[in-house]
Amino acid sequence: MRKAKILYKDQEAGMLIQHDDGSFTFKYDNSWISDGAKPAISLTLPKSQQEYHSDFLFPFFFNMLPEGSNKQIVCKLNRLDLNDYFGLLLTTAKSDNIGAIKVIKIE
């Protein structure tokens, strides 16, 4: 199992988990939900107490990944499998991404 904190404008909004079977769970932090001024991180992941489950990486996070030759270079330099989308997300979305979201690996 691998876990990551999801930051929105450098504030912890929730947690993304990749389970051993390859499925994913996203859950908002309780303090994020209780603050009405805090937005949802995505229209496809509205603020809710419920956990979101998916057999594959949520499209919102998948769309943050590099593509084409950029993906190949990042994977080669970081020794990542081309199909390790979560590993690629952890590598690239911790600092080198467009927008308010950062993905920080939880050790």
Protein backbone atom coordinates (compact mmCIF):
# COMPACT_ATOMS: atom_id res chain seq x y z
CA MET A 1 0.00 0.00 0.00
CA ARG A 2 1.22 3.49 -0.87
CA LYS A 3 -0.17 6.72 0.54
CA ALA A 4 0.05 10.40 -0.35
CA LYS A 5 -1.16 13.63 1.20
CA ILE A 6 -3.09 15.80 -1.21
CA LEU A 7 -2.35 19.48 -0.69
CA TYR A 8 -4.45 22.33 -2.05
CA LYS A 9 -2.51 25.60 -2.00
CA ASP A 10 -0.11 23.96 0.48
CA GLN A 11 -2.89 22.96 2.91
CA GLU A 12 -3.73 19.31 3.49
CA ALA A 13 -7.03 18.55 1.79
CA GLY A 14 -7.06 14.76 1.89
CA MET A 15 -5.29 11.46 1.32
CA LEU A 16 -4.87 9.27 -1.73
CA ILE A 17 -4.13 5.58 -1.18
CA GLN A 18 -3.10 2.90 -3.64
CA HIS A 19 -4.01 -0.49 -2.20
CA ASP A 20 -2.00 -3.66 -2.75
CA ASP A 21 -4.56 -4.87 -5.33
CA GLY A 22 -3.94 -1.72 -7.40
CA SER A 23 -7.20 0.02 -6.51
CA PHE A 24 -7.38 3.56 -5.14
CA THR A 25 -9.14 5.43 -2.35
CA PHE A 26 -9.41 9.17 -1.86
CA LYS A 27 -10.71 10.69 1.37
CA TYR A 28 -10.96 14.33 2.37
CA ASP A 29 -9.44 15.41 5.67
CA ASN A 30 -12.15 16.04 8.29
CA SER A 31 -10.93 19.59 8.91
CA TRP A 32 -11.17 20.30 5.17
CA ILE A 33 -14.77 19.12 5.08
CA SER A 34 -15.81 21.07 8.16
CA ASP A 35 -14.49 24.37 6.73
CA GLY A 36 -17.16 25.68 4.36
CA ALA A 37 -14.69 28.08 2.75
CA LYS A 38 -12.49 25.23 1.49
CA PRO A 39 -13.36 24.04 -2.03
CA ALA A 40 -13.48 20.54 -3.45
CA ILE A 41 -10.22 19.67 -5.18
CA SER A 42 -12.15 18.60 -8.27
CA LEU A 43 -15.70 18.63 -9.62
CA THR A 44 -15.38 14.85 -9.92
CA LEU A 45 -14.43 14.54 -6.22
CA PRO A 46 -16.96 16.75 -4.41
CA LYS A 47 -16.44 17.43 -0.70
CA SER A 48 -17.95 14.54 1.22
CA GLN A 49 -17.37 12.43 4.32
CA GLN A 50 -17.51 9.34 2.13
CA GLU A 51 -14.40 7.75 0.72
CA TYR A 52 -14.10 7.57 -3.04
CA HIS A 53 -12.99 4.21 -4.46
CA SER A 54 -11.75 3.33 -7.93
CA ASP A 55 -10.13 0.34 -9.61
CA PHE A 56 -7.81 2.74 -11.45
CA LEU A 57 -6.20 6.11 -10.72
CA PHE A 58 -8.92 8.76 -10.53
CA PRO A 59 -9.09 10.75 -13.80
CA PHE A 60 -8.42 14.01 -11.91
CA PHE A 61 -5.03 12.69 -10.76
CA PHE A 62 -4.30 10.80 -14.00
CA ASN A 63 -4.65 14.06 -15.94
CA MET A 64 -1.83 15.56 -13.85
CA LEU A 65 0.67 13.05 -15.29
CA PRO A 66 3.22 13.86 -17.99
CA GLU A 67 2.70 12.27 -21.38
CA GLY A 68 4.74 11.16 -24.37
CA SER A 69 8.46 11.80 -24.34
CA ASN A 70 8.22 13.75 -21.06
CA LYS A 71 6.73 10.67 -19.39
CA GLN A 72 9.42 8.43 -20.87
CA ILE A 73 12.22 10.70 -19.66
CA VAL A 74 10.77 11.03 -16.13
CA CYS A 75 10.27 7.27 -15.87
CA LYS A 76 13.76 6.49 -17.15
CA LEU A 77 15.49 9.00 -14.86
CA ASN A 78 13.52 7.84 -11.81
CA ARG A 79 13.53 4.14 -12.71
CA LEU A 80 9.74 3.94 -12.82
CA ASP A 81 7.68 1.50 -14.80
CA LEU A 82 5.76 3.32 -17.55
CA ASN A 83 2.52 1.91 -16.10
CA ASP A 84 3.25 2.94 -12.49
CA TYR A 85 0.88 5.90 -12.55
CA PHE A 86 0.90 6.37 -8.78
CA GLY A 87 4.70 6.36 -8.69
CA LEU A 88 4.76 8.84 -11.55
CA LEU A 89 2.24 11.05 -9.74
CA LEU A 90 4.33 10.93 -6.54
CA THR A 91 7.44 11.88 -8.51
CA THR A 92 6.07 14.73 -10.58
CA ALA A 93 3.18 16.24 -8.60
CA LYS A 94 5.14 17.02 -5.45
CA SER A 95 6.45 20.24 -6.95
CA ASP A 96 6.47 20.25 -10.75
CA ASN A 97 2.84 20.65 -11.67
CA ILE A 98 0.40 23.29 -12.86
CA GLY A 99 -2.39 24.30 -10.50
CA ALA A 100 -3.06 24.30 -6.80
CA ILE A 101 -2.66 20.56 -6.11
CA LYS A 102 0.47 18.86 -4.79
CA VAL A 103 0.86 15.16 -4.05
CA ILE A 104 3.28 14.35 -1.22
CA LYS A 105 4.32 10.77 -0.45
CA ILE A 106 3.63 9.52 3.07
CA GLU A 107 6.50 7.32 4.19
